[in-house]
Amino acid sequence: MKHRSFNYSTINSTRSRKRRNNRRANTKTKHLFKGALFIVSLAVVLFGLKLLISPVVGAIASMMKESSVTISYMLNKGDIKKVNDITNFLILGVDERYEGGPSLTDTIMILSYNHKTKSTVMISLPRDLWVQIPAFDGVSSYFTKINSVYSVGEKYGYKSDEKDGIGGGAGLLSEVIENHIGVPIQYYAKINFDGFRELIDIVGGVDIYVERAFTDYQYPREGYEDAPEEMRNEIVSFEQGWQHMDGETALKYARSRHALGPEGSDFARAKRQQKVVMALKDKLVSNDTIFNLDRLRNIYLTLSNKFDTNVSVTELPLLYKLAEEQAKDLKITSVVLDSGYGEEGLLYTPDPAQYGGAFVLIPRGGWPVIEDYINSKIYPAPQDDSNE
């Protein structure tokens, strides 16, 4: 299912570009590449979350010197993938705690970096969006919630040459996103819940301002999925004001969606997730982390086992260069698709009876309206300088 493309000149002109072929390194430098892979993992997480600012640039620069032979080989190879000066990162938070169970995405964010304006737009997509999965490799096309798309791609081994090598769950989700809102994904970064908790604990917790107090009486209790119904949930509560949260508490704050009032929605949760991301950023770029080798080593160990990305070693110096360019004046715009609690919202909830009893979200004016809205944020109209 291909919806109409956003009508900006040449935005989609390069979607059919062939994948760039990365030269294989000589076997003598493989041990150097292993060291560089650590830098890749750290750099992608930091850049994907808009963390590559001055202190990180310095830290990465010092680490790059340790593999100078490898880096010098890679420096002039290729370019950062982009379409019309826009690079889009897909950031996924995946629940992989249950062996054999579906890998549902509780967090789906698009980080769109504008190389001209040096600005970043962070877009959160609600997990209950009703989307269509395209047919592939014997799998028929069908409709489902967007949070299950990743699991389908992983289970059936999705592959697509059009996604610049992105396969599996991230590749299928990238295709679905582009089909529905016209945003091509160049890179993805995925971390699971355990990695999320560990990262926050490694940096000593995060400080978050809770705007509204709330209590969730139906928060899913980990390890009790097969227990009697009355034992499956626990109560989580947050008071208004500044809170210092460890990894487990921050995860509950970011995942809660059944509280009474305005905080009991996917839209409120998406805003909370963005706040947690920014709070984690503050701790990751602090001197307590950047100049603490034990912390950096523990971050690496966590990312090695619980983090996945399609950024290659040869693209690392390019991300480093980009970080230098935008380090001082990074501008961020946060966008959350929501119902607006009224007629002005972009999404609405149809009668669950029409969807097998499931709670789903549908674009109020159709997908073209969502596409127009998102592209207006990613590709802002030029300012009128006629009065100057």
Protein backbone atom coordinates (compact mmCIF):
# COMPACT_ATOMS: atom_id res chain seq x y z
CA MET A 1 0.00 0.00 0.00
CA LYS A 2 1.69 3.21 -1.19
CA HIS A 3 0.09 6.47 -0.17
CA ARG A 4 0.80 9.63 -2.11
CA SER A 5 4.26 11.14 -1.69
CA PHE A 6 4.75 14.56 -0.08
CA ASN A 7 4.95 17.10 -2.87
CA TYR A 8 8.34 18.69 -2.28
CA SER A 9 10.71 18.76 -5.23
CA THR A 10 13.03 15.77 -5.47
CA ILE A 11 12.29 14.56 -1.93
CA ASN A 12 11.72 11.06 -3.21
CA SER A 13 14.06 11.31 -6.20
CA THR A 14 16.78 9.25 -4.59
CA ARG A 15 14.69 6.52 -2.92
CA SER A 16 15.74 4.03 -5.59
CA ARG A 17 19.42 4.71 -5.10
CA LYS A 18 21.53 1.58 -5.13
CA ARG A 19 23.25 0.60 -1.94
CA ARG A 20 26.79 1.84 -1.58
CA ASN A 21 29.33 -0.94 -1.55
CA ASN A 22 31.73 -0.80 1.37
CA ARG A 23 35.21 -2.12 0.65
CA ARG A 24 36.25 -5.05 2.78
CA ALA A 25 39.14 -4.42 5.10
CA ASN A 26 42.30 -6.46 4.92
CA THR A 27 42.31 -9.37 7.34
CA LYS A 28 45.30 -7.83 9.11
CA THR A 29 43.10 -4.97 10.36
CA LYS A 30 40.21 -7.03 11.71
CA HIS A 31 41.34 -6.64 15.29
CA LEU A 32 41.33 -2.86 14.82
CA PHE A 33 37.78 -3.02 13.49
CA LYS A 34 36.65 -4.74 16.69
CA GLY A 35 37.85 -1.76 18.65
CA ALA A 36 36.17 0.63 16.25
CA LEU A 37 32.88 -1.22 16.61
CA PHE A 38 32.69 -0.04 20.20
CA ILE A 39 32.94 3.54 18.98
CA VAL A 40 30.22 2.87 16.40
CA SER A 41 27.79 1.56 19.01
CA LEU A 42 28.41 4.46 21.38
CA ALA A 43 28.35 7.07 18.61
CA VAL A 44 25.10 5.82 17.09
CA VAL A 45 23.27 5.80 20.40
CA LEU A 46 24.53 9.26 21.25
CA PHE A 47 23.86 10.75 17.83
CA GLY A 48 20.53 8.98 17.44
CA LEU A 49 19.41 10.55 20.72
CA LYS A 50 20.93 13.89 19.76
CA LEU A 51 23.76 13.48 22.22
CA LEU A 52 26.76 14.23 20.04
CA ILE A 53 27.67 17.59 21.49
CA SER A 54 31.02 19.06 22.46
CA PRO A 55 32.14 16.75 25.32
CA VAL A 56 31.20 13.67 23.34
CA VAL A 57 33.07 14.91 20.28
CA GLY A 58 36.21 15.21 22.38
CA ALA A 59 35.79 11.77 23.90
CA ILE A 60 35.17 10.07 20.56
CA ALA A 61 38.10 11.94 19.00
CA SER A 62 40.48 10.59 21.63
CA MET A 63 39.21 7.05 21.12
CA MET A 64 39.54 7.34 17.35
CA LYS A 65 43.26 8.08 17.70
CA GLU A 66 43.77 4.59 19.13
CA SER A 67 42.76 3.11 15.78
CA SER A 68 44.38 5.69 13.54
CA VAL A 69 45.32 3.22 10.78
CA THR A 70 41.76 1.99 10.44
CA ILE A 71 40.31 5.48 10.67
CA SER A 72 42.66 6.88 8.04
CA TYR A 73 41.56 4.07 5.72
CA MET A 74 37.91 4.97 6.23
CA LEU A 75 38.02 8.77 6.29
CA ASN A 76 37.20 9.49 2.66
CA LYS A 77 34.86 6.61 1.98
CA GLY A 78 31.26 7.30 0.96
CA ASP A 79 28.85 9.67 2.61
CA ILE A 80 26.12 9.72 5.25
CA LYS A 81 22.90 8.49 3.71
CA LYS A 82 20.34 11.24 3.21
CA VAL A 83 17.47 12.34 1.00
CA ASN A 84 17.26 16.03 0.13
CA ASP A 85 19.70 16.87 2.93
CA ILE A 86 17.65 14.95 5.50
CA THR A 87 18.91 11.89 7.42
CA ASN A 88 16.27 9.88 9.27
CA PHE A 89 17.05 7.58 12.22
CA LEU A 90 14.53 5.04 13.48
CA ILE A 91 14.93 4.53 17.25
CA LEU A 92 13.24 1.45 18.73
CA GLY A 93 12.70 0.30 22.29
CA VAL A 94 11.82 -3.39 22.09
CA ASP A 95 10.44 -5.76 24.71
CA GLU A 96 12.57 -8.90 24.37
CA ARG A 97 12.28 -10.17 27.94
CA TYR A 98 10.21 -13.25 27.15
CA GLU A 99 11.99 -16.00 25.23
CA GLY A 100 9.82 -17.23 22.39
CA GLY A 101 7.38 -14.33 22.77
CA PRO A 102 6.76 -11.52 20.28
CA SER A 103 9.23 -8.61 20.26
CA LEU A 104 6.81 -5.71 20.56
CA THR A 105 8.07 -2.14 20.15
CA ASP A 106 6.95 0.05 23.04
CA THR A 107 8.96 2.98 21.73
CA ILE A 108 9.01 4.07 18.09
CA MET A 109 10.76 7.36 17.36
CA ILE A 110 11.97 8.98 14.18
CA LEU A 111 14.91 11.36 14.59
CA SER A 112 15.17 13.50 11.49
CA TYR A 113 18.34 15.55 11.06
CA ASN A 114 18.36 18.48 8.62
CA HIS A 115 21.88 18.98 7.27
CA LYS A 116 21.07 22.49 6.02
CA THR A 117 19.43 23.94 9.12
CA LYS A 118 21.44 21.80 11.59
CA SER A 119 18.17 20.98 13.38
CA THR A 120 16.62 17.73 14.60
CA VAL A 121 12.95 16.74 14.78
CA MET A 122 12.03 13.95 17.21
CA ILE A 123 8.73 12.27 16.23
CA SER A 124 7.03 9.69 18.44
CA LEU A 125 4.63 7.24 16.78
CA PRO A 126 1.90 5.70 19.01
CA ARG A 127 2.10 1.93 19.34
CA ASP A 128 -1.60 1.50 18.52
CA LEU A 129 -1.47 3.05 15.04
CA TRP A 130 -3.37 0.78 12.63
CA VAL A 131 -1.12 0.10 9.63
CA GLN A 132 -0.84 -2.28 6.70
CA ILE A 133 2.05 -4.72 6.39
CA PRO A 134 3.08 -5.27 2.75
CA ALA A 135 3.23 -8.76 1.31
CA PHE A 136 6.72 -10.30 1.29
CA ASP A 137 8.32 -13.74 0.96
CA GLY A 138 5.09 -15.73 1.23
CA VAL A 139 3.59 -13.46 3.91
CA SER A 140 0.29 -11.95 2.81
CA SER A 141 -0.47 -8.27 3.30
CA TYR A 142 -2.63 -7.52 6.33
CA PHE A 143 -3.46 -4.82 8.87
CA THR A 144 -2.13 -4.72 12.41
CA LYS A 145 -0.89 -2.35 15.11
CA ILE A 146 2.42 -0.72 14.34
CA ASN A 147 4.02 -2.09 17.52
CA SER A 148 3.82 -5.65 16.17
CA VAL A 149 5.45 -4.92 12.78
CA TYR A 150 8.99 -5.40 14.09
CA SER A 151 8.11 -8.83 15.46
CA VAL A 152 6.67 -9.93 12.10
CA GLY A 153 9.79 -8.82 10.24
CA GLU A 154 12.02 -10.68 12.68
CA LYS A 155 9.94 -13.86 12.63
CA TYR A 156 9.72 -14.16 8.84
CA GLY A 157 13.15 -12.76 7.96
CA TYR A 158 12.08 -9.68 6.03
CA LYS A 159 14.55 -8.54 3.37
CA SER A 160 14.44 -5.54 1.08
CA ASP A 161 17.11 -4.23 -1.28
CA GLU A 162 15.31 -0.88 -1.34
CA LYS A 163 16.11 -0.28 2.33
CA ASP A 164 19.87 0.01 1.85
CA GLY A 165 20.47 -3.29 3.54
CA ILE A 166 18.01 -2.92 6.43
CA GLY A 167 16.39 -6.29 7.00
CA GLY A 168 14.41 -8.08 9.66
CA GLY A 169 12.07 -6.22 11.96
CA ALA A 170 13.69 -2.81 11.53
CA GLY A 171 13.57 -3.16 7.74
CA LEU A 172 9.88 -4.08 7.65
CA LEU A 173 8.99 -1.29 10.07
CA SER A 174 11.00 1.16 7.96
CA GLU A 175 9.02 0.12 4.89
CA VAL A 176 5.70 0.46 6.69
CA ILE A 177 6.62 3.94 7.95
CA GLU A 178 7.66 5.09 4.49
CA ASN A 179 4.53 3.61 2.91
CA HIS A 180 2.23 5.43 5.30
CA ILE A 181 3.90 8.79 5.99
CA GLY A 182 6.48 9.09 3.22
CA VAL A 183 9.53 9.28 5.50
CA PRO A 184 12.44 7.15 4.21
CA ILE A 185 14.59 5.62 6.95
CA GLN A 186 18.35 5.54 6.42
CA TYR A 187 19.50 4.24 9.82
CA TYR A 188 18.04 2.44 12.79
CA ALA A 189 19.09 1.82 16.38
CA LYS A 190 17.36 -0.70 18.64
CA ILE A 191 17.75 -1.30 22.35
CA ASN A 192 15.77 -3.68 24.54
CA PHE A 193 14.28 -3.02 27.98
CA ASP A 194 17.15 -4.66 29.86
CA GLY A 195 19.67 -2.49 28.04
CA PHE A 196 17.59 0.60 28.75
CA ARG A 197 17.51 -0.13 32.47
CA GLU A 198 21.20 -0.98 32.61
CA LEU A 199 22.26 2.20 30.79
CA ILE A 200 20.37 4.37 33.26
CA ASP A 201 21.79 2.48 36.23
CA ILE A 202 25.31 2.72 34.83
CA VAL A 203 25.14 6.53 34.70
CA GLY A 204 23.72 6.70 38.22
CA GLY A 205 20.05 7.26 37.37
CA VAL A 206 18.28 10.19 35.72
CA ASP A 207 16.54 13.32 36.98
CA ILE A 208 13.10 13.94 35.50
CA TYR A 209 10.44 16.54 36.24
CA VAL A 210 7.03 14.84 36.54
CA GLU A 211 4.54 17.38 35.26
CA ARG A 212 1.41 15.63 36.57
CA ALA A 213 1.11 13.17 39.42
CA PHE A 214 -0.47 9.87 38.36
CA THR A 215 -1.15 6.32 39.51
CA ASP A 216 -1.34 3.29 37.24
CA TYR A 217 -3.21 0.35 38.80
CA GLN A 218 -2.62 -1.95 35.82
CA TYR A 219 1.10 -1.82 35.18
CA PRO A 220 2.21 -5.26 33.88
CA ARG A 221 4.17 -7.14 36.53
CA GLU A 222 7.33 -8.64 35.09
CA GLY A 223 7.56 -12.40 35.49
CA TYR A 224 3.84 -12.83 36.19
CA GLU A 225 2.60 -13.06 32.61
CA ASP A 226 1.19 -16.57 33.17
CA ALA A 227 -0.01 -15.98 36.73
CA PRO A 228 -3.69 -15.70 37.66
CA GLU A 229 -5.31 -12.52 36.33
CA GLU A 230 -5.43 -10.82 39.73
CA MET A 231 -1.65 -11.21 40.15
CA ARG A 232 -0.46 -9.97 36.77
CA ASN A 233 -0.44 -6.24 37.51
CA GLU A 234 1.14 -3.94 40.07
CA ILE A 235 0.53 -0.35 41.14
CA VAL A 236 2.99 2.36 40.12
CA SER A 237 2.67 5.95 41.24
CA PHE A 238 4.56 9.19 40.57
CA GLU A 239 4.29 12.48 42.44
CA GLN A 240 4.55 15.84 40.72
CA GLY A 241 7.96 17.48 40.77
CA TRP A 242 11.57 16.49 40.28
CA GLN A 243 12.25 12.78 40.70
CA HIS A 244 15.54 10.88 40.68
CA MET A 245 14.89 7.54 38.97
CA ASP A 246 16.94 4.39 38.64
CA GLY A 247 16.62 2.21 35.54
CA GLU A 248 13.61 0.22 36.75
CA THR A 249 11.70 3.31 37.88
CA ALA A 250 12.48 5.19 34.65
CA LEU A 251 11.25 2.19 32.64
CA LYS A 252 7.96 2.18 34.54
CA TYR A 253 7.60 5.95 34.10
CA ALA A 254 8.20 5.61 30.35
CA ARG A 255 5.94 2.57 29.84
CA SER A 256 2.90 3.35 32.03
CA ARG A 257 -0.27 3.79 29.96
CA HIS A 258 -3.25 2.90 32.19
CA ALA A 259 -3.32 5.77 34.67
CA LEU A 260 -6.55 7.67 35.25
CA GLY A 261 -6.78 11.03 33.51
CA PRO A 262 -4.61 12.51 30.75
CA GLU A 263 -1.51 10.49 31.73
CA GLY A 264 -3.29 7.24 30.89
CA SER A 265 -2.69 7.35 27.16
CA ASP A 266 -0.09 6.46 24.56
CA PHE A 267 0.26 10.16 23.77
CA ALA A 268 1.22 11.08 27.34
CA ARG A 269 3.52 8.08 27.43
CA ALA A 270 5.26 9.19 24.22
CA LYS A 271 5.96 12.58 25.79
CA ARG A 272 7.32 10.88 28.91
CA GLN A 273 9.56 8.68 26.79
CA GLN A 274 11.02 11.75 25.11
CA LYS A 275 11.71 13.28 28.54
CA VAL A 276 13.52 10.12 29.64
CA VAL A 277 15.61 10.19 26.45
CA MET A 278 16.66 13.78 27.11
CA ALA A 279 17.40 13.05 30.78
CA LEU A 280 19.58 10.10 29.77
CA LYS A 281 21.35 12.40 27.32
CA ASP A 282 22.22 14.80 30.12
CA LYS A 283 23.85 12.00 32.12
CA LEU A 284 25.67 10.44 29.17
CA VAL A 285 27.36 13.71 28.19
CA SER A 286 28.20 14.72 31.74
CA ASN A 287 31.82 14.79 32.87
CA ASP A 288 30.98 12.02 35.34
CA THR A 289 30.41 9.72 32.36
CA ILE A 290 32.69 11.04 29.62
CA PHE A 291 35.81 10.91 31.79
CA ASN A 292 34.93 7.72 33.66
CA LEU A 293 36.54 4.76 31.91
CA ASP A 294 34.65 2.24 34.04
CA ARG A 295 31.34 3.74 33.01
CA LEU A 296 32.33 3.85 29.36
CA ARG A 297 33.41 0.21 29.51
CA ASN A 298 30.10 -0.81 31.13
CA ILE A 299 28.16 1.18 28.53
CA TYR A 300 30.05 -0.69 25.82
CA LEU A 301 29.30 -4.07 27.41
CA THR A 302 25.60 -3.21 27.61
CA LEU A 303 25.45 -2.01 24.01
CA SER A 304 27.32 -5.07 22.77
CA ASN A 305 24.60 -7.43 24.00
CA LYS A 306 21.43 -5.38 23.96
CA PHE A 307 21.85 -2.90 21.12
CA ASP A 308 21.61 -3.25 17.34
CA THR A 309 22.14 -0.83 14.43
CA ASN A 310 22.84 -0.80 10.70
CA VAL A 311 25.50 1.94 10.91
CA SER A 312 28.73 0.55 9.49
CA VAL A 313 32.28 1.08 10.70
CA THR A 314 33.04 3.08 7.55
CA GLU A 315 30.30 5.58 8.44
CA LEU A 316 31.73 6.30 11.88
CA PRO A 317 34.12 9.09 10.80
CA LEU A 318 31.26 10.69 8.86
CA LEU A 319 29.08 10.78 11.96
CA TYR A 320 32.01 12.20 13.88
CA LYS A 321 32.40 14.97 11.31
CA LEU A 322 28.68 15.67 11.43
CA ALA A 323 28.86 15.87 15.21
CA GLU A 324 31.53 18.57 14.95
CA GLU A 325 29.38 20.58 12.55
CA GLN A 326 26.26 20.64 14.74
CA ALA A 327 27.73 20.40 18.23
CA LYS A 328 27.28 24.03 19.32
CA ASP A 329 23.87 25.02 17.98
CA LEU A 330 21.76 21.87 17.99
CA LYS A 331 18.05 22.68 17.69
CA ILE A 332 15.46 20.05 18.61
CA THR A 333 11.71 19.97 17.94
CA SER A 334 9.60 17.30 19.65
CA VAL A 335 6.46 16.00 17.90
CA VAL A 336 3.90 13.55 19.29
CA LEU A 337 1.00 12.36 17.16
CA ASP A 338 -2.10 12.38 19.35
CA SER A 339 -5.89 12.63 19.36
CA GLY A 340 -5.87 16.11 20.88
CA TYR A 341 -8.71 15.01 23.17
CA GLY A 342 -11.09 16.63 20.70
CA GLU A 343 -11.83 17.43 17.11
CA GLU A 344 -8.44 19.05 16.53
CA GLY A 345 -6.40 15.88 16.98
CA LEU A 346 -4.73 14.10 14.09
CA LEU A 347 -5.85 10.66 15.32
CA TYR A 348 -9.05 9.13 16.65
CA THR A 349 -10.17 5.86 18.22
CA PRO A 350 -12.82 3.99 16.18
CA ASP A 351 -15.30 1.50 17.61
CA PRO A 352 -13.20 -1.46 18.86
CA ALA A 353 -15.90 -3.83 17.63
CA GLN A 354 -14.77 -3.03 14.08
CA TYR A 355 -11.25 -4.23 14.89
CA GLY A 356 -11.86 -7.43 16.78
CA GLY A 357 -12.21 -5.62 20.09
CA ALA A 358 -8.76 -4.02 19.80
CA PHE A 359 -8.01 -0.42 20.75
CA VAL A 360 -6.48 1.17 17.63
CA LEU A 361 -5.70 4.65 16.35
CA ILE A 362 -6.70 5.88 12.89
CA PRO A 363 -5.74 9.14 11.13
CA ARG A 364 -8.71 11.49 11.38
CA GLY A 365 -8.30 12.82 7.85
CA GLY A 366 -6.47 9.87 6.31
CA TRP A 367 -2.75 9.16 6.04
CA PRO A 368 -2.09 12.08 3.62
CA VAL A 369 -2.95 14.48 6.46
CA ILE A 370 -0.41 12.80 8.75
CA GLU A 371 2.16 12.85 5.97
CA ASP A 372 1.59 16.56 5.36
CA TYR A 373 1.93 17.33 9.06
CA ILE A 374 5.13 15.35 9.59
CA ASN A 375 6.76 16.67 6.45
CA SER A 376 5.91 20.23 7.48
CA LYS A 377 8.09 19.60 10.55
CA ILE A 378 10.89 17.79 8.72
CA TYR A 379 10.87 20.08 5.67
CA PRO A 380 9.81 23.49 7.05
CA ALA A 381 8.70 26.06 4.50
CA PRO A 382 11.34 28.70 3.69
CA GLN A 383 10.96 31.89 5.68
CA ASP A 384 9.70 34.94 3.84
CA ASP A 385 12.51 37.50 3.77
CA SER A 386 10.64 39.99 1.57
CA ASN A 387 10.15 42.43 4.45
CA GLU A 388 13.79 42.57 5.38
